[in-house]
N, C-alpha and C. Protein backbone atom coordinates (compact mmCIF):
# COMPACT_ATOMS: atom_id res chain seq x y z
N UNK A 1 213.89 -68.55 -120.31
CA UNK A 1 215.52 -68.37 -120.90
C UNK A 1 215.59 -68.54 -122.72
N UNK A 2 214.32 -68.57 -123.57
CA UNK A 2 214.28 -68.71 -124.48
C UNK A 2 213.68 -67.42 -125.15
N UNK A 3 211.93 -66.68 -124.40
CA UNK A 3 211.95 -66.22 -123.60
C UNK A 3 213.05 -64.45 -124.38
N UNK A 4 213.70 -64.33 -123.59
CA UNK A 4 214.93 -63.74 -123.12
C UNK A 4 215.28 -63.16 -124.06
N UNK A 5 215.87 -64.84 -124.84
CA UNK A 5 216.98 -64.75 -126.12
C UNK A 5 216.07 -64.23 -126.59
N UNK A 6 215.52 -64.46 -127.46
CA UNK A 6 214.31 -64.00 -128.58
C UNK A 6 213.91 -62.71 -128.04
N UNK A 7 214.02 -61.55 -127.05
CA UNK A 7 213.30 -60.10 -126.81
C UNK A 7 214.90 -59.43 -127.32
N UNK A 8 216.49 -59.85 -126.41
CA UNK A 8 217.67 -59.52 -126.59
C UNK A 8 218.03 -59.70 -128.54
N UNK A 9 217.24 -60.45 -129.54
CA UNK A 9 217.76 -60.79 -130.15
C UNK A 9 216.37 -59.82 -131.03
N UNK A 10 215.57 -59.15 -131.09
CA UNK A 10 214.33 -58.66 -131.38
C UNK A 10 214.92 -56.89 -131.09
N UNK A 11 216.01 -56.13 -130.07
CA UNK A 11 216.13 -55.51 -129.13
C UNK A 11 217.24 -55.29 -130.53
N UNK A 12 218.04 -55.81 -130.47
CA UNK A 12 219.09 -56.05 -131.22
C UNK A 12 218.66 -55.50 -132.74
N UNK A 13 218.36 -55.93 -133.11
CA UNK A 13 217.22 -56.32 -134.74
C UNK A 13 216.76 -55.23 -134.85
N UNK A 14 216.38 -54.17 -133.65
CA UNK A 14 215.92 -52.58 -133.61
C UNK A 14 216.02 -51.42 -134.00
N UNK A 15 217.06 -51.60 -133.15
CA UNK A 15 218.34 -50.78 -133.18
C UNK A 15 218.79 -50.98 -134.40
N UNK A 16 219.59 -51.67 -134.97
CA UNK A 16 220.19 -51.54 -136.12
C UNK A 16 219.27 -51.27 -136.86
N UNK A 17 218.15 -51.95 -137.48
CA UNK A 17 217.33 -51.12 -138.58
C UNK A 17 217.08 -49.40 -138.38
N UNK A 18 216.89 -49.12 -136.35
CA UNK A 18 216.87 -47.53 -136.50
C UNK A 18 218.47 -46.81 -136.71
N UNK A 19 219.12 -47.56 -137.12
CA UNK A 19 220.53 -46.85 -136.84
C UNK A 19 220.41 -46.84 -138.96
N UNK A 20 220.72 -48.32 -139.71
CA UNK A 20 220.80 -48.50 -140.32
C UNK A 20 219.46 -47.22 -141.90
N UNK A 21 218.93 -47.13 -141.16
CA UNK A 21 218.01 -45.97 -141.97
C UNK A 21 216.96 -44.57 -141.83
N UNK A 22 218.14 -44.83 -140.51
CA UNK A 22 218.11 -42.93 -140.48
C UNK A 22 216.61 -42.22 -139.93
N UNK A 23 216.12 -43.67 -139.09
CA UNK A 23 215.26 -43.07 -138.27
C UNK A 23 215.59 -42.29 -137.09
N UNK A 24 214.47 -40.35 -137.28
CA UNK A 24 214.22 -40.58 -136.02
C UNK A 24 213.82 -38.74 -136.42
N UNK A 25 213.90 -37.89 -135.54
CA UNK A 25 213.08 -36.69 -135.34
C UNK A 25 214.27 -35.93 -136.46
N UNK A 26 215.22 -36.29 -136.82
CA UNK A 26 216.21 -35.45 -138.13
C UNK A 26 216.36 -35.85 -139.35
N UNK A 27 216.30 -37.51 -139.01
CA UNK A 27 216.03 -37.62 -140.71
C UNK A 27 214.53 -37.26 -141.11
N UNK A 28 213.45 -37.70 -139.95
CA UNK A 28 212.21 -36.88 -140.51
C UNK A 28 212.02 -35.73 -141.44
N UNK A 29 213.19 -34.84 -140.43
CA UNK A 29 212.31 -33.61 -140.45
C UNK A 29 213.51 -33.51 -142.30
N UNK A 30 214.62 -33.68 -142.34
CA UNK A 30 214.46 -33.57 -143.39
C UNK A 30 214.10 -34.02 -145.01
N UNK A 31 213.21 -35.55 -144.42
CA UNK A 31 212.55 -35.44 -145.56
C UNK A 31 211.72 -35.29 -146.60
N UNK A 32 210.72 -34.75 -145.06
CA UNK A 32 209.45 -34.10 -144.95
C UNK A 32 209.95 -32.64 -145.64
N UNK A 33 210.83 -31.83 -145.45
CA UNK A 33 211.30 -30.89 -146.04
C UNK A 33 211.04 -29.85 -147.38
N UNK A 34 210.60 -28.05 -147.35
CA UNK A 34 210.39 -27.88 -148.29
C UNK A 34 210.97 -27.95 -150.05
N UNK A 35 211.81 -29.03 -149.64
CA UNK A 35 212.74 -29.02 -151.10
C UNK A 35 212.03 -30.29 -151.34
N UNK A 36 211.71 -31.44 -150.41
CA UNK A 36 212.26 -33.34 -150.44
C UNK A 36 210.66 -33.23 -152.15
N UNK A 37 211.28 -33.44 -152.58
CA UNK A 37 210.56 -34.79 -153.92
C UNK A 37 210.22 -33.65 -155.01
N UNK A 38 211.58 -32.28 -154.85
CA UNK A 38 211.32 -32.04 -156.48
C UNK A 38 212.56 -32.05 -157.13
N UNK A 39 212.41 -31.74 -158.25
CA UNK A 39 213.87 -31.99 -158.82
C UNK A 39 214.70 -31.38 -158.82
N UNK A 40 216.57 -31.99 -159.48
CA UNK A 40 217.11 -31.13 -159.11
C UNK A 40 218.45 -31.62 -160.62
N UNK A 41 219.42 -30.53 -161.00
CA UNK A 41 220.12 -31.21 -162.02
C UNK A 41 220.67 -30.37 -161.41
N UNK A 42 222.72 -30.69 -161.76
CA UNK A 42 223.67 -30.31 -161.25
C UNK A 42 224.50 -29.11 -162.40
N UNK A 43 223.92 -29.27 -163.50
CA UNK A 43 224.03 -28.87 -164.75
C UNK A 43 222.96 -28.08 -165.77
N UNK A 44 223.64 -26.96 -166.05
CA UNK A 44 222.64 -26.52 -167.53
C UNK A 44 222.19 -27.65 -168.03
N UNK A 45 223.29 -28.68 -168.75
CA UNK A 45 222.38 -29.37 -169.31
C UNK A 45 220.87 -30.43 -169.37
N UNK A 46 221.62 -31.07 -168.04
CA UNK A 46 220.49 -31.68 -167.01
C UNK A 46 219.06 -30.48 -166.85
N UNK A 47 219.61 -29.70 -166.75
CA UNK A 47 218.27 -29.06 -166.54
C UNK A 47 218.09 -28.21 -168.11
N UNK A 48 218.46 -28.25 -168.67
CA UNK A 48 217.63 -28.48 -170.51
C UNK A 48 217.29 -29.46 -170.73
N UNK A 49 217.64 -30.64 -170.39
CA UNK A 49 216.67 -31.88 -170.36
C UNK A 49 215.60 -32.02 -169.59
N UNK A 50 215.38 -31.32 -168.45
CA UNK A 50 213.82 -31.12 -167.65
C UNK A 50 213.11 -30.60 -168.04
N UNK A 51 213.78 -29.47 -169.04
CA UNK A 51 212.44 -28.17 -168.99
C UNK A 51 212.12 -28.87 -170.40
N UNK A 52 212.54 -29.56 -171.22
CA UNK A 52 212.57 -30.15 -172.02
C UNK A 52 211.25 -31.27 -172.39
N UNK A 53 211.82 -32.27 -171.29
CA UNK A 53 210.69 -33.60 -170.98
C UNK A 53 209.23 -33.05 -170.75
N UNK A 54 209.21 -31.52 -169.26
CA UNK A 54 208.01 -31.21 -168.92
C UNK A 54 207.22 -31.40 -170.37
N UNK A 55 207.71 -31.20 -172.08
CA UNK A 55 207.16 -30.16 -173.05
C UNK A 55 207.20 -28.90 -172.96
N UNK A 56 208.22 -28.42 -172.78
CA UNK A 56 208.23 -27.01 -172.54
C UNK A 56 209.32 -26.25 -173.06
N UNK A 57 208.85 -24.97 -173.89
CA UNK A 57 210.09 -24.94 -174.64
C UNK A 57 211.59 -24.63 -174.14
N UNK A 58 212.84 -24.45 -174.73
CA UNK A 58 214.09 -24.77 -174.49
C UNK A 58 215.49 -25.41 -175.47
N UNK A 59 214.91 -24.67 -176.41
CA UNK A 59 215.68 -24.82 -177.60
C UNK A 59 217.52 -23.36 -177.80
N UNK A 60 217.68 -23.48 -177.25
CA UNK A 60 218.89 -22.30 -177.26
C UNK A 60 218.93 -21.64 -175.92
N UNK A 61 220.16 -22.86 -175.11
CA UNK A 61 220.77 -21.87 -173.56
C UNK A 61 221.64 -21.52 -174.47
N UNK A 62 222.15 -20.58 -173.96
CA UNK A 62 223.17 -19.62 -173.81
C UNK A 62 223.11 -18.07 -173.05
N UNK A 63 225.07 -17.87 -172.39
CA UNK A 63 224.52 -16.32 -171.63
C UNK A 63 223.80 -15.64 -172.22
N UNK A 64 223.20 -14.11 -171.71
CA UNK A 64 222.53 -13.66 -172.34
C UNK A 64 222.40 -12.94 -171.43
N UNK A 65 222.62 -10.84 -172.41
CA UNK A 65 222.13 -9.51 -171.46
C UNK A 65 220.63 -9.97 -171.38
N UNK A 66 219.79 -11.00 -171.41
CA UNK A 66 218.65 -10.71 -171.32
C UNK A 66 218.10 -10.46 -169.63
N UNK A 67 217.71 -9.37 -169.47
CA UNK A 67 217.41 -8.56 -168.81
C UNK A 67 217.02 -9.50 -167.39
N UNK A 68 216.79 -9.10 -165.99
CA UNK A 68 216.39 -9.98 -164.98
C UNK A 68 217.84 -11.44 -164.47
N UNK A 69 217.87 -10.76 -163.46
CA UNK A 69 218.95 -11.60 -162.58
C UNK A 69 220.16 -11.61 -162.75
N UNK A 70 220.98 -10.38 -163.51
CA UNK A 70 222.48 -10.22 -163.64
C UNK A 70 222.92 -9.85 -162.80
N UNK A 71 222.69 -9.27 -161.56
CA UNK A 71 223.03 -8.46 -160.77
C UNK A 71 223.28 -9.73 -159.39
N UNK A 72 222.20 -10.13 -159.79
CA UNK A 72 222.23 -10.95 -158.72
C UNK A 72 222.84 -12.11 -158.80
N UNK A 73 223.51 -12.14 -160.06
CA UNK A 73 224.25 -13.29 -160.48
C UNK A 73 225.64 -12.85 -159.84
N UNK A 74 226.17 -12.16 -159.93
CA UNK A 74 227.82 -11.44 -159.35
C UNK A 74 227.30 -11.60 -157.54
N UNK A 75 226.44 -11.23 -157.04
CA UNK A 75 226.85 -11.55 -155.44
C UNK A 75 226.07 -12.70 -154.69
N UNK A 76 227.11 -12.76 -154.51
CA UNK A 76 228.04 -14.03 -153.54
C UNK A 76 226.72 -13.88 -152.20
N UNK A 77 225.84 -13.48 -152.12
CA UNK A 77 225.07 -14.11 -150.85
C UNK A 77 223.23 -14.78 -151.80
N UNK A 78 224.00 -14.41 -152.97
CA UNK A 78 222.28 -15.52 -153.60
C UNK A 78 222.85 -16.08 -154.28
N UNK A 79 224.63 -16.75 -154.04
CA UNK A 79 224.31 -18.28 -154.03
C UNK A 79 223.95 -18.70 -155.33
N UNK A 80 224.19 -17.97 -156.75
CA UNK A 80 223.78 -18.29 -158.15
C UNK A 80 224.99 -18.62 -158.17
N UNK A 81 225.38 -19.73 -158.97
CA UNK A 81 226.23 -21.03 -159.36
C UNK A 81 226.42 -20.61 -160.59
N UNK A 82 225.55 -20.50 -161.77
CA UNK A 82 225.74 -19.85 -162.36
C UNK A 82 224.60 -19.39 -163.45
N UNK A 83 224.25 -19.15 -164.23
CA UNK A 83 223.12 -17.80 -164.76
C UNK A 83 223.01 -18.17 -166.62
N UNK A 84 221.82 -18.84 -167.33
CA UNK A 84 221.64 -19.25 -168.39
C UNK A 84 220.65 -18.65 -168.79
N UNK A 85 220.29 -18.00 -170.76
CA UNK A 85 219.01 -18.17 -171.19
C UNK A 85 218.52 -18.91 -171.49
N UNK A 86 217.73 -19.66 -172.07
CA UNK A 86 217.35 -20.31 -172.77
C UNK A 86 216.09 -19.09 -173.97
N UNK A 87 216.46 -19.27 -175.13
CA UNK A 87 215.36 -18.61 -175.38
C UNK A 87 214.74 -17.66 -175.76
N UNK A 88 215.46 -16.33 -175.18
CA UNK A 88 216.20 -15.09 -174.82
C UNK A 88 214.44 -15.51 -174.43
N UNK A 89 213.37 -15.92 -173.27
CA UNK A 89 212.55 -15.66 -172.00
C UNK A 89 212.67 -16.16 -170.82
N UNK A 90 213.64 -17.81 -170.93
CA UNK A 90 213.45 -18.22 -169.77
C UNK A 90 214.98 -18.07 -168.16
N UNK A 91 215.25 -17.50 -167.14
CA UNK A 91 216.47 -17.54 -167.20
C UNK A 91 216.68 -18.58 -166.31
N UNK A 92 217.24 -19.65 -166.37
CA UNK A 92 218.10 -20.65 -165.68
C UNK A 92 218.86 -20.11 -164.12
N UNK A 93 218.79 -20.48 -163.09
CA UNK A 93 219.72 -20.35 -162.53
C UNK A 93 220.06 -21.40 -161.29
N UNK A 94 221.37 -22.39 -161.36
CA UNK A 94 221.89 -22.81 -160.06
C UNK A 94 222.31 -22.12 -159.19
N UNK A 95 221.79 -22.76 -158.66
CA UNK A 95 222.12 -22.13 -157.02
C UNK A 95 222.72 -23.37 -155.81
N UNK A 96 223.90 -22.81 -155.67
CA UNK A 96 224.56 -23.40 -154.75
C UNK A 96 223.63 -23.95 -153.33
N UNK A 97 223.13 -22.74 -152.79
CA UNK A 97 222.64 -22.96 -151.10
C UNK A 97 221.15 -21.91 -151.26
N UNK A 98 219.92 -22.89 -151.57
CA UNK A 98 219.37 -22.78 -151.86
C UNK A 98 218.28 -21.83 -150.35
N UNK A 99 218.47 -21.93 -149.32
CA UNK A 99 218.62 -20.88 -148.14
C UNK A 99 219.32 -19.95 -148.01
N UNK A 100 220.63 -19.96 -149.21
CA UNK A 100 221.02 -18.88 -149.37
C UNK A 100 219.52 -17.86 -149.93
N UNK A 101 220.15 -18.33 -151.26
CA UNK A 101 218.20 -18.28 -152.27
C UNK A 101 217.84 -17.19 -151.91
N UNK A 102 216.45 -17.80 -151.27
CA UNK A 102 215.36 -17.56 -150.56
C UNK A 102 215.90 -16.15 -149.26
N UNK A 103 216.75 -16.62 -148.68
CA UNK A 103 217.11 -15.53 -147.86
C UNK A 103 217.45 -13.93 -148.27
N UNK A 104 218.06 -14.08 -149.34
CA UNK A 104 218.25 -12.88 -149.93
C UNK A 104 217.18 -12.41 -150.81
N UNK A 105 216.14 -13.13 -151.71
CA UNK A 105 214.52 -12.98 -152.24
C UNK A 105 213.61 -12.43 -150.81
N UNK A 106 213.89 -12.75 -150.39
CA UNK A 106 212.99 -11.66 -149.28
C UNK A 106 213.44 -10.62 -148.36
N UNK A 107 215.17 -10.60 -148.69
CA UNK A 107 215.47 -9.36 -148.37
C UNK A 107 214.98 -8.70 -149.25
N UNK A 108 215.28 -9.01 -150.32
CA UNK A 108 215.02 -7.91 -151.67
C UNK A 108 213.52 -7.44 -151.58
N UNK A 109 213.18 -8.25 -151.59
CA UNK A 109 211.28 -8.36 -151.19
C UNK A 109 210.86 -7.35 -150.30
N UNK A 110 211.66 -7.63 -148.93
CA UNK A 110 211.70 -6.75 -148.02
C UNK A 110 211.59 -4.98 -147.94
N UNK A 111 212.98 -5.23 -149.28
CA UNK A 111 213.60 -3.24 -149.13
C UNK A 111 212.80 -2.79 -150.66
N UNK A 112 211.61 -2.86 -151.13
CA UNK A 112 211.21 -2.01 -151.46
C UNK A 112 210.21 -3.31 -153.00
N UNK A 113 210.19 -4.55 -152.71
CA UNK A 113 209.14 -5.70 -153.25
C UNK A 113 209.97 -5.97 -154.81
N UNK A 114 210.31 -7.57 -154.88
CA UNK A 114 211.32 -7.99 -155.53
C UNK A 114 210.66 -7.87 -157.38
N UNK A 115 209.37 -8.64 -156.82
CA UNK A 115 208.63 -8.75 -158.09
C UNK A 115 208.86 -10.02 -159.25
N UNK A 116 209.78 -10.53 -158.35
CA UNK A 116 209.80 -11.92 -159.39
C UNK A 116 209.47 -13.15 -158.90
N UNK A 117 208.38 -14.17 -159.27
CA UNK A 117 208.72 -15.36 -158.79
C UNK A 117 208.97 -16.25 -159.79
N UNK A 118 209.47 -17.71 -158.40
CA UNK A 118 210.98 -18.35 -159.14
C UNK A 118 209.72 -19.70 -158.88
N UNK A 119 209.98 -20.96 -159.77
CA UNK A 119 210.15 -21.82 -160.51
C UNK A 119 210.97 -22.28 -159.70
N UNK A 120 210.59 -23.69 -158.33
CA UNK A 120 212.84 -24.06 -157.78
C UNK A 120 212.01 -25.09 -157.33
N UNK A 121 213.50 -26.02 -158.03
CA UNK A 121 213.56 -27.79 -157.98
C UNK A 121 214.21 -27.39 -156.29
N UNK A 122 214.71 -28.75 -156.55
CA UNK A 122 215.85 -28.90 -155.23
C UNK A 122 216.93 -27.81 -155.06
N UNK A 123 218.14 -27.03 -156.54
CA UNK A 123 219.44 -26.56 -156.71
C UNK A 123 219.44 -25.44 -157.42
N UNK A 124 217.91 -25.75 -157.68
CA UNK A 124 217.94 -24.67 -159.28
C UNK A 124 216.28 -23.98 -159.03
N UNK A 125 216.79 -22.21 -160.19
CA UNK A 125 215.52 -21.68 -160.51
C UNK A 125 214.84 -21.49 -160.91
N UNK A 126 214.21 -21.30 -162.59
CA UNK A 126 213.44 -20.79 -163.22
C UNK A 126 212.57 -18.89 -162.44
N UNK A 127 212.95 -18.34 -164.29
CA UNK A 127 212.12 -17.41 -163.73
C UNK A 127 211.74 -16.71 -165.00
N UNK A 128 210.85 -15.62 -165.23
CA UNK A 128 210.03 -15.09 -166.62
C UNK A 128 209.42 -16.33 -167.19
N UNK A 129 208.61 -17.03 -166.53
CA UNK A 129 208.50 -18.17 -167.30
C UNK A 129 207.35 -17.65 -167.74
N UNK A 130 206.19 -18.07 -169.70
CA UNK A 130 204.94 -17.40 -169.53
C UNK A 130 203.76 -19.03 -168.32
N UNK A 131 202.81 -18.21 -169.13
CA UNK A 131 201.78 -19.16 -167.99
C UNK A 131 202.06 -21.16 -168.23
N UNK A 132 201.96 -21.16 -170.37
CA UNK A 132 202.11 -22.29 -170.53
C UNK A 132 203.35 -22.96 -169.67
N UNK A 133 203.79 -21.79 -169.95
CA UNK A 133 205.57 -22.55 -169.66
C UNK A 133 205.33 -23.43 -168.11
N UNK A 134 205.35 -22.58 -167.58
CA UNK A 134 204.88 -22.09 -166.10
C UNK A 134 203.86 -23.98 -165.05
N UNK A 135 202.90 -23.91 -166.46
CA UNK A 135 201.73 -24.58 -165.59
C UNK A 135 202.06 -26.30 -166.48
N UNK A 136 203.54 -26.49 -167.10
CA UNK A 136 204.17 -27.44 -167.95
C UNK A 136 205.09 -28.04 -167.07
N UNK A 137 205.24 -26.47 -166.43
CA UNK A 137 207.06 -27.13 -165.70
C UNK A 137 206.96 -27.67 -164.45
N UNK A 138 205.34 -26.75 -163.87
CA UNK A 138 204.68 -27.11 -162.62
C UNK A 138 204.55 -28.78 -162.45
N UNK A 139 204.08 -28.37 -163.44
CA UNK A 139 203.32 -30.39 -163.32
C UNK A 139 204.81 -31.75 -163.57
N UNK A 140 205.41 -30.94 -164.26
CA UNK A 140 206.68 -31.69 -164.62
C UNK A 140 207.65 -32.20 -162.47
N UNK A 141 206.68 -30.56 -162.05
CA UNK A 141 207.42 -31.38 -160.28
C UNK A 141 207.93 -30.32 -159.51
N UNK A 142 207.91 -28.84 -160.53
CA UNK A 142 208.10 -27.48 -160.26
C UNK A 142 206.98 -27.02 -158.80
N UNK A 143 207.88 -26.08 -157.74
CA UNK A 143 207.09 -25.23 -157.28
C UNK A 143 207.00 -24.07 -157.52
N UNK A 144 206.49 -22.87 -156.94
CA UNK A 144 207.05 -21.99 -157.08
C UNK A 144 206.45 -21.72 -155.56
N UNK A 145 207.66 -21.00 -155.50
CA UNK A 145 208.07 -19.80 -154.14
C UNK A 145 207.99 -18.27 -154.24
N UNK A 146 207.77 -17.89 -153.67
CA UNK A 146 207.76 -17.01 -153.16
C UNK A 146 207.86 -16.32 -151.96
N UNK A 147 208.64 -15.34 -152.11
CA UNK A 147 208.57 -14.26 -150.24
C UNK A 147 208.20 -13.03 -150.27
N UNK A 148 206.86 -12.89 -150.69
CA UNK A 148 205.98 -11.78 -150.24
C UNK A 148 204.68 -12.50 -150.28
N UNK A 149 204.33 -11.53 -148.37
CA UNK A 149 203.96 -12.05 -147.59
C UNK A 149 202.21 -11.82 -148.28
N UNK A 150 202.29 -10.71 -149.60
CA UNK A 150 200.98 -10.55 -149.55
C UNK A 150 200.26 -12.17 -150.70
N UNK A 151 201.60 -12.26 -151.06
CA UNK A 151 200.88 -13.62 -152.48
C UNK A 151 200.44 -14.32 -151.12
N UNK A 152 200.74 -14.99 -150.40
CA UNK A 152 200.65 -15.88 -148.97
C UNK A 152 198.79 -15.63 -148.44
N UNK A 153 198.95 -14.67 -148.50
CA UNK A 153 197.69 -13.61 -147.82
C UNK A 153 196.19 -14.28 -149.10
N UNK A 154 196.67 -14.33 -150.33
CA UNK A 154 195.65 -13.89 -151.21
C UNK A 154 195.69 -15.55 -151.83
N UNK A 155 195.93 -16.85 -151.53
CA UNK A 155 196.32 -18.20 -151.95
C UNK A 155 195.50 -18.57 -151.67
N UNK A 156 194.25 -18.91 -153.18
CA UNK A 156 192.13 -19.60 -153.20
C UNK A 156 192.83 -21.28 -152.67
N UNK A 157 191.77 -21.52 -151.34
CA UNK A 157 191.70 -22.46 -150.94
C UNK A 157 191.95 -23.88 -151.90
N UNK A 158 192.52 -24.83 -150.96
CA UNK A 158 192.68 -25.98 -151.86
C UNK A 158 194.47 -26.08 -152.24
N UNK A 159 195.07 -25.43 -151.99
CA UNK A 159 196.02 -24.95 -152.67
C UNK A 159 196.97 -24.77 -151.15
N UNK A 160 198.41 -25.87 -151.69
CA UNK A 160 199.72 -26.02 -150.35
C UNK A 160 200.28 -24.89 -150.60
N UNK A 161 200.28 -24.24 -149.70
CA UNK A 161 201.46 -23.79 -149.27
C UNK A 161 202.33 -24.24 -148.15
N UNK A 162 203.65 -24.39 -148.29
CA UNK A 162 204.70 -25.34 -147.47
C UNK A 162 205.43 -24.32 -146.75
N UNK A 163 205.96 -23.96 -146.28
CA UNK A 163 206.94 -23.24 -145.16
C UNK A 163 207.92 -22.88 -146.34
N UNK A 164 209.12 -22.24 -146.50
CA UNK A 164 210.94 -21.90 -147.40
C UNK A 164 211.84 -22.14 -145.89
N UNK A 165 213.26 -21.99 -147.11
CA UNK A 165 214.20 -22.19 -145.86
C UNK A 165 214.41 -20.96 -145.33
N UNK A 166 214.15 -19.94 -145.59
CA UNK A 166 214.47 -18.68 -145.15
C UNK A 166 213.11 -17.99 -144.79
N UNK A 167 212.94 -16.76 -143.00
CA UNK A 167 211.46 -16.77 -142.84
C UNK A 167 211.26 -15.47 -143.20
N UNK A 168 209.57 -16.14 -144.18
CA UNK A 168 208.75 -15.46 -145.09
C UNK A 168 208.35 -15.77 -146.58
N UNK A 169 209.66 -16.92 -147.09
CA UNK A 169 209.42 -17.04 -147.90
C UNK A 169 209.01 -19.46 -147.66
N UNK A 170 207.55 -19.06 -148.52
CA UNK A 170 206.78 -20.77 -149.31
C UNK A 170 207.09 -20.91 -150.01
N UNK A 171 206.97 -22.30 -150.44
CA UNK A 171 206.18 -22.36 -152.05
C UNK A 171 204.61 -22.85 -152.10
N UNK A 172 204.63 -23.18 -153.13
CA UNK A 172 203.20 -23.41 -153.32
C UNK A 172 203.27 -24.52 -154.58
N UNK A 173 201.66 -24.58 -155.03
CA UNK A 173 201.46 -25.46 -156.40
C UNK A 173 200.56 -24.89 -156.92
N UNK A 174 199.70 -22.86 -156.10
CA UNK A 174 199.68 -22.27 -157.20
C UNK A 174 200.22 -21.53 -158.03
N UNK A 175 200.00 -21.43 -159.01
CA UNK A 175 200.43 -19.86 -160.37
C UNK A 175 199.91 -19.16 -160.66
N UNK A 176 199.33 -18.08 -160.18
CA UNK A 176 198.06 -16.79 -160.49
C UNK A 176 198.70 -16.54 -161.78
N UNK A 177 197.67 -16.04 -162.88
CA UNK A 177 197.79 -15.92 -163.94
C UNK A 177 198.25 -14.21 -164.44
């Protein structure tokens, strides 16, 4: 009798533990997704603070007509919430829906080559970054996103590649020169 009560109590405790921790197929997939562990920023001020915290330059944050992602930032298909430029060479994009952003990037790449590399966090993307800044940002936790199949095929051994949120896109810890 005592054994059956102990087993019943154990089963109840296990059921409660699984329910509270969200264990199971869905929770596991979400935790292991391509964006897990990446930094996030909900405002441009948070993004600027993240960038400077890595040692990369970002002293003047402002709207600008610096070429790059101007038209895309106005197109809802890209899901860009806000676009700013930092020091006239770093384009910062806050993203509402990263899957839509990757889909639009993949579509642009398939339609003649987009030719842009992005460093991404969970809900932002950066482009037009110099080599030194790119390395600092990647050491700070960002990953490089590409939707160019040739990039994945030419990835040197020892670097990781994770499938992205859109077909044809992937993220990697490799930054070409």
